[in-house]
Amino acid sequence: MDTGGTEATRYRWPNQYGPEQNTEESKRTQESEGNARLKRLLAYQVLVNDIVKWRRRLVEP
């Protein structure tokens, strides 16, 4: 596929801007990072809720 660029441009581009990334792979990576963040947030919230329940049991007679 000819993109109209010169041979030098074709070799310079990856060095200057990094290799081309597969957009599907990039999307999966972003989704995976987003899922990991959500899992950490959920784990933190569960921990906070457990601490609150534990403290209530200590305070209430």
PDB file of N, CA and C in Angstrom:
ATOM      1  N   MET A   1       0.850  -1.168   0.000  1.00  0.00           N
ATOM      2  CA  MET A   1       0.000   0.000   0.000  1.00  0.00           C
ATOM      3  C   MET A   1       0.897   1.232   0.000  1.00  0.00           C
ATOM      4  N   ASP A   2       0.716   2.084  -0.993  1.00  0.00           N
ATOM      5  CA  ASP A   2       1.527   3.288  -1.103  1.00  0.00           C
ATOM      6  C   ASP A   2       0.805   4.443  -0.421  1.00  0.00           C
ATOM      7  N   THR A   3       1.463   5.026   0.588  1.00  0.00           N
ATOM      8  CA  THR A   3       0.868   6.135   1.315  1.00  0.00           C
ATOM      9  C   THR A   3       1.362   7.478   0.806  1.00  0.00           C
ATOM     10  N   GLY A   4       2.240   7.462  -0.175  1.00  0.00           N
ATOM     11  CA  GLY A   4       2.732   8.707  -0.745  1.00  0.00           C
ATOM     12  C   GLY A   4       3.964   9.239  -0.056  1.00  0.00           C
ATOM     13  N   GLY A   5       4.450   8.590   0.974  1.00  0.00           N
ATOM     14  CA  GLY A   5       5.645   9.048   1.683  1.00  0.00           C
ATOM     15  C   GLY A   5       6.895   8.494   1.035  1.00  0.00           C
ATOM     16  N   THR A   6       8.004   9.119   1.313  1.00  0.00           N
ATOM     17  CA  THR A   6       9.264   8.634   0.779  1.00  0.00           C
ATOM     18  C   THR A   6       9.765   7.473   1.615  1.00  0.00           C
ATOM     19  N   GLU A   7      10.766   6.803   1.093  1.00  0.00           N
ATOM     20  CA  GLU A   7      11.366   5.674   1.802  1.00  0.00           C
ATOM     21  C   GLU A   7      11.955   6.134   3.149  1.00  0.00           C
ATOM     22  N   ALA A   8      12.592   7.302   3.162  1.00  0.00           N
ATOM     23  CA  ALA A   8      13.192   7.831   4.387  1.00  0.00           C
ATOM     24  C   ALA A   8      12.114   8.139   5.430  1.00  0.00           C
ATOM     25  N   THR A   9      10.995   8.669   4.978  1.00  0.00           N
ATOM     26  CA  THR A   9       9.903   8.990   5.904  1.00  0.00           C
ATOM     27  C   THR A   9       9.379   7.725   6.557  1.00  0.00           C
ATOM     28  N   ARG A  10       9.276   6.664   5.775  1.00  0.00           N
ATOM     29  CA  ARG A  10       8.755   5.412   6.287  1.00  0.00           C
ATOM     30  C   ARG A  10       9.630   4.854   7.408  1.00  0.00           C
ATOM     31  N   TYR A  11      10.934   5.025   7.295  1.00  0.00           N
ATOM     32  CA  TYR A  11      11.831   4.524   8.326  1.00  0.00           C
ATOM     33  C   TYR A  11      12.005   5.512   9.481  1.00  0.00           C
ATOM     34  N   ARG A  12      11.855   6.805   9.207  1.00  0.00           N
ATOM     35  CA  ARG A  12      12.013   7.807  10.245  1.00  0.00           C
ATOM     36  C   ARG A  12      10.801   7.822  11.180  1.00  0.00           C
ATOM     37  N   TRP A  13       9.622   7.603  10.655  1.00  0.00           N
ATOM     38  CA  TRP A  13       8.383   7.709  11.429  1.00  0.00           C
ATOM     39  C   TRP A  13       8.403   6.858  12.699  1.00  0.00           C
ATOM     40  N   PRO A  14       8.704   5.549  12.635  1.00  0.00           N
ATOM     41  CA  PRO A  14       8.702   4.751  13.870  1.00  0.00           C
ATOM     42  C   PRO A  14       9.737   5.228  14.885  1.00  0.00           C
ATOM     43  N   ASN A  15      10.877   5.701  14.408  1.00  0.00           N
ATOM     44  CA  ASN A  15      11.901   6.190  15.329  1.00  0.00           C
ATOM     45  C   ASN A  15      11.450   7.462  16.026  1.00  0.00           C
ATOM     46  N   GLN A  16      10.709   8.281  15.321  1.00  0.00           N
ATOM     47  CA  GLN A  16      10.293   9.565  15.874  1.00  0.00           C
ATOM     48  C   GLN A  16       9.034   9.436  16.717  1.00  0.00           C
ATOM     49  N   TYR A  17       8.073   8.646  16.295  1.00  0.00           N
ATOM     50  CA  TYR A  17       6.772   8.579  16.960  1.00  0.00           C
ATOM     51  C   TYR A  17       6.474   7.233  17.595  1.00  0.00           C
ATOM     52  N   GLY A  18       7.363   6.287  17.480  1.00  0.00           N
ATOM     53  CA  GLY A  18       7.133   4.955  18.032  1.00  0.00           C
ATOM     54  C   GLY A  18       6.458   4.072  17.002  1.00  0.00           C
ATOM     55  N   PRO A  19       6.491   2.773  17.238  1.00  0.00           N
ATOM     56  CA  PRO A  19       5.885   1.851  16.262  1.00  0.00           C
ATOM     57  C   PRO A  19       4.366   2.006  16.235  1.00  0.00           C
ATOM     58  N   GLU A  20       3.807   1.661  15.116  1.00  0.00           N
ATOM     59  CA  GLU A  20       2.349   1.713  14.995  1.00  0.00           C
ATOM     60  C   GLU A  20       1.750   0.698  15.952  1.00  0.00           C
ATOM     61  N   GLN A  21       0.689   1.097  16.609  1.00  0.00           N
ATOM     62  CA  GLN A  21       0.017   0.181  17.517  1.00  0.00           C
ATOM     63  C   GLN A  21      -1.283  -0.281  16.889  1.00  0.00           C
ATOM     64  N   ASN A  22      -1.560  -1.511  17.106  1.00  0.00           N
ATOM     65  CA  ASN A  22      -2.822  -2.070  16.656  1.00  0.00           C
ATOM     66  C   ASN A  22      -3.931  -1.414  17.474  1.00  0.00           C
ATOM     67  N   THR A  23      -4.897  -0.822  16.826  1.00  0.00           N
ATOM     68  CA  THR A  23      -5.943  -0.107  17.558  1.00  0.00           C
ATOM     69  C   THR A  23      -6.759  -1.053  18.437  1.00  0.00           C
ATOM     70  N   GLU A  24      -6.992  -2.264  17.980  1.00  0.00           N
ATOM     71  CA  GLU A  24      -7.730  -3.234  18.797  1.00  0.00           C
ATOM     72  C   GLU A  24      -6.927  -3.583  20.044  1.00  0.00           C
ATOM     73  N   GLU A  25      -5.622  -3.761  19.871  1.00  0.00           N
ATOM     74  CA  GLU A  25      -4.754  -4.073  21.009  1.00  0.00           C
ATOM     75  C   GLU A  25      -4.724  -2.898  21.978  1.00  0.00           C
ATOM     76  N   SER A  26      -4.685  -1.709  21.433  1.00  0.00           N
ATOM     77  CA  SER A  26      -4.672  -0.502  22.260  1.00  0.00           C
ATOM     78  C   SER A  26      -5.974  -0.383  23.050  1.00  0.00           C
ATOM     79  N   LYS A  27      -7.101  -0.662  22.404  1.00  0.00           N
ATOM     80  CA  LYS A  27      -8.393  -0.604  23.084  1.00  0.00           C
ATOM     81  C   LYS A  27      -8.463  -1.628  24.210  1.00  0.00           C
ATOM     82  N   ARG A  28      -7.972  -2.843  23.949  1.00  0.00           N
ATOM     83  CA  ARG A  28      -7.985  -3.885  24.970  1.00  0.00           C
ATOM     84  C   ARG A  28      -7.110  -3.502  26.153  1.00  0.00           C
ATOM     85  N   THR A  29      -5.967  -2.890  25.870  1.00  0.00           N
ATOM     86  CA  THR A  29      -5.080  -2.460  26.946  1.00  0.00           C
ATOM     87  C   THR A  29      -5.751  -1.396  27.798  1.00  0.00           C
ATOM     88  N   GLN A  30      -6.397  -0.435  27.166  1.00  0.00           N
ATOM     89  CA  GLN A  30      -7.093   0.613  27.902  1.00  0.00           C
ATOM     90  C   GLN A  30      -8.233   0.037  28.732  1.00  0.00           C
ATOM     91  N   GLU A  31      -8.990  -0.895  28.156  1.00  0.00           N
ATOM     92  CA  GLU A  31     -10.080  -1.528  28.894  1.00  0.00           C
ATOM     93  C   GLU A  31      -9.539  -2.308  30.088  1.00  0.00           C
ATOM     94  N   SER A  32      -8.429  -3.004  29.873  1.00  0.00           N
ATOM     95  CA  SER A  32      -7.824  -3.786  30.942  1.00  0.00           C
ATOM     96  C   SER A  32      -7.353  -2.877  32.074  1.00  0.00           C
ATOM     97  N   GLU A  33      -6.726  -1.750  31.720  1.00  0.00           N
ATOM     98  CA  GLU A  33      -6.282  -0.802  32.738  1.00  0.00           C
ATOM     99  C   GLU A  33      -7.475  -0.201  33.476  1.00  0.00           C
ATOM    100  N   GLY A  34      -8.551   0.084  32.739  1.00  0.00           N
ATOM    101  CA  GLY A  34      -9.760   0.609  33.368  1.00  0.00           C
ATOM    102  C   GLY A  34     -10.391  -0.396  34.305  1.00  0.00           C
ATOM    103  N   ASN A  35     -10.403  -1.668  33.886  1.00  0.00           N
ATOM    104  CA  ASN A  35     -10.958  -2.722  34.733  1.00  0.00           C
ATOM    105  C   ASN A  35     -10.123  -2.905  35.989  1.00  0.00           C
ATOM    106  N   ALA A  36      -8.825  -2.829  35.869  1.00  0.00           N
ATOM    107  CA  ALA A  36      -7.952  -2.976  37.031  1.00  0.00           C
ATOM    108  C   ALA A  36      -8.201  -1.833  38.016  1.00  0.00           C
ATOM    109  N   ARG A  37      -8.382  -0.644  37.507  1.00  0.00           N
ATOM    110  CA  ARG A  37      -8.655   0.512  38.378  1.00  0.00           C
ATOM    111  C   ARG A  37      -9.984   0.327  39.106  1.00  0.00           C
ATOM    112  N   LEU A  38     -10.999  -0.124  38.387  1.00  0.00           N
ATOM    113  CA  LEU A  38     -12.305  -0.358  39.017  1.00  0.00           C
ATOM    114  C   LEU A  38     -12.217  -1.442  40.088  1.00  0.00           C
ATOM    115  N   LYS A  39     -11.448  -2.489  39.825  1.00  0.00           N
ATOM    116  CA  LYS A  39     -11.286  -3.555  40.814  1.00  0.00           C
ATOM    117  C   LYS A  39     -10.606  -3.035  42.069  1.00  0.00           C
ATOM    118  N   ARG A  40      -9.588  -2.177  41.915  1.00  0.00           N
ATOM    119  CA  ARG A  40      -8.919  -1.596  43.081  1.00  0.00           C
ATOM    120  C   ARG A  40      -9.872  -0.709  43.870  1.00  0.00           C
ATOM    121  N   LEU A  41     -10.673   0.098  43.154  1.00  0.00           N
ATOM    122  CA  LEU A  41     -11.640   0.957  43.837  1.00  0.00           C
ATOM    123  C   LEU A  41     -12.674   0.137  44.595  1.00  0.00           C
ATOM    124  N   LEU A  42     -13.149  -0.922  43.988  1.00  0.00           N
ATOM    125  CA  LEU A  42     -14.128  -1.789  44.646  1.00  0.00           C
ATOM    126  C   LEU A  42     -13.527  -2.449  45.877  1.00  0.00           C
ATOM    127  N   ALA A  43     -12.303  -2.947  45.756  1.00  0.00           N
ATOM    128  CA  ALA A  43     -11.647  -3.583  46.896  1.00  0.00           C
ATOM    129  C   ALA A  43     -11.472  -2.585  48.039  1.00  0.00           C
ATOM    130  N   TYR A  44     -11.102  -1.355  47.703  1.00  0.00           N
ATOM    131  CA  TYR A  44     -10.941  -0.321  48.727  1.00  0.00           C
ATOM    132  C   TYR A  44     -12.274  -0.038  49.418  1.00  0.00           C
ATOM    133  N   GLN A  45     -13.344   0.071  48.645  1.00  0.00           N
ATOM    134  CA  GLN A  45     -14.654   0.362  49.221  1.00  0.00           C
ATOM    135  C   GLN A  45     -15.137  -0.779  50.109  1.00  0.00           C
ATOM    136  N   VAL A  46     -14.893  -2.005  49.706  1.00  0.00           N
ATOM    137  CA  VAL A  46     -15.267  -3.157  50.531  1.00  0.00           C
ATOM    138  C   VAL A  46     -14.493  -3.124  51.846  1.00  0.00           C
ATOM    139  N   LEU A  47     -13.210  -2.790  51.780  1.00  0.00           N
ATOM    140  CA  LEU A  47     -12.397  -2.682  52.989  1.00  0.00           C
ATOM    141  C   LEU A  47     -12.940  -1.603  53.921  1.00  0.00           C
ATOM    142  N   VAL A  48     -13.265  -0.446  53.370  1.00  0.00           N
ATOM    143  CA  VAL A  48     -13.814   0.646  54.180  1.00  0.00           C
ATOM    144  C   VAL A  48     -15.127   0.208  54.829  1.00  0.00           C
ATOM    145  N   ASN A  49     -15.994  -0.435  54.076  1.00  0.00           N
ATOM    146  CA  ASN A  49     -17.272  -0.900  54.626  1.00  0.00           C
ATOM    147  C   ASN A  49     -17.060  -1.908  55.756  1.00  0.00           C
ATOM    148  N   ASP A  50     -16.098  -2.806  55.589  1.00  0.00           N
ATOM    149  CA  ASP A  50     -15.811  -3.782  56.641  1.00  0.00           C
ATOM    150  C   ASP A  50     -15.300  -3.096  57.903  1.00  0.00           C
ATOM    151  N   ILE A  51     -14.466  -2.084  57.736  1.00  0.00           N
ATOM    152  CA  ILE A  51     -13.947  -1.349  58.892  1.00  0.00           C
ATOM    153  C   ILE A  51     -15.079  -0.632  59.617  1.00  0.00           C
ATOM    154  N   VAL A  52     -15.985  -0.025  58.863  1.00  0.00           N
ATOM    155  CA  VAL A  52     -17.125   0.670  59.475  1.00  0.00           C
ATOM    156  C   VAL A  52     -17.983  -0.320  60.257  1.00  0.00           C
ATOM    157  N   LYS A  53     -18.263  -1.478  59.688  1.00  0.00           N
ATOM    158  CA  LYS A  53     -19.064  -2.495  60.386  1.00  0.00           C
ATOM    159  C   LYS A  53     -18.358  -2.968  61.654  1.00  0.00           C
ATOM    160  N   TRP A  54     -17.053  -3.172  61.572  1.00  0.00           N
ATOM    161  CA  TRP A  54     -16.282  -3.624  62.716  1.00  0.00           C
ATOM    162  C   TRP A  54     -16.313  -2.590  63.836  1.00  0.00           C
ATOM    163  N   ARG A  55     -16.171  -1.329  63.490  1.00  0.00           N
ATOM    164  CA  ARG A  55     -16.199  -0.260  64.498  1.00  0.00           C
ATOM    165  C   ARG A  55     -17.578  -0.145  65.145  1.00  0.00           C
ATOM    166  N   ARG A  56     -18.624  -0.339  64.367  1.00  0.00           N
ATOM    167  CA  ARG A  56     -19.985  -0.285  64.930  1.00  0.00           C
ATOM    168  C   ARG A  56     -20.176  -1.373  65.954  1.00  0.00           C
ATOM    169  N   ARG A  57     -19.639  -2.554  65.689  1.00  0.00           N
ATOM    170  CA  ARG A  57     -19.766  -3.657  66.639  1.00  0.00           C
ATOM    171  C   ARG A  57     -19.014  -3.361  67.930  1.00  0.00           C
ATOM    172  N   LEU A  58     -17.913  -2.633  67.842  1.00  0.00           N
ATOM    173  CA  LEU A  58     -17.151  -2.286  69.036  1.00  0.00           C
ATOM    174  C   LEU A  58     -17.860  -1.236  69.870  1.00  0.00           C
ATOM    175  N   VAL A  59     -18.544  -0.304  69.220  1.00  0.00           N
ATOM    176  CA  VAL A  59     -19.169   0.819  69.907  1.00  0.00           C
ATOM    177  C   VAL A  59     -20.525   0.435  70.477  1.00  0.00           C
ATOM    178  N   GLU A  60     -21.320  -0.293  69.727  1.00  0.00           N
ATOM    179  CA  GLU A  60     -22.665  -0.655  70.173  1.00  0.00           C
ATOM    180  C   GLU A  60     -22.607  -1.724  71.240  1.00  0.00           C
ATOM    181  N   PRO A  61     -23.413  -1.582  72.250  1.00  0.00           N
ATOM    182  CA  PRO A  61     -23.434  -2.586  73.335  1.00  0.00           C
ATOM    183  C   PRO A  61     -24.089  -3.886  72.913  1.00  0.00           C
TER     184      PRO A  61
END
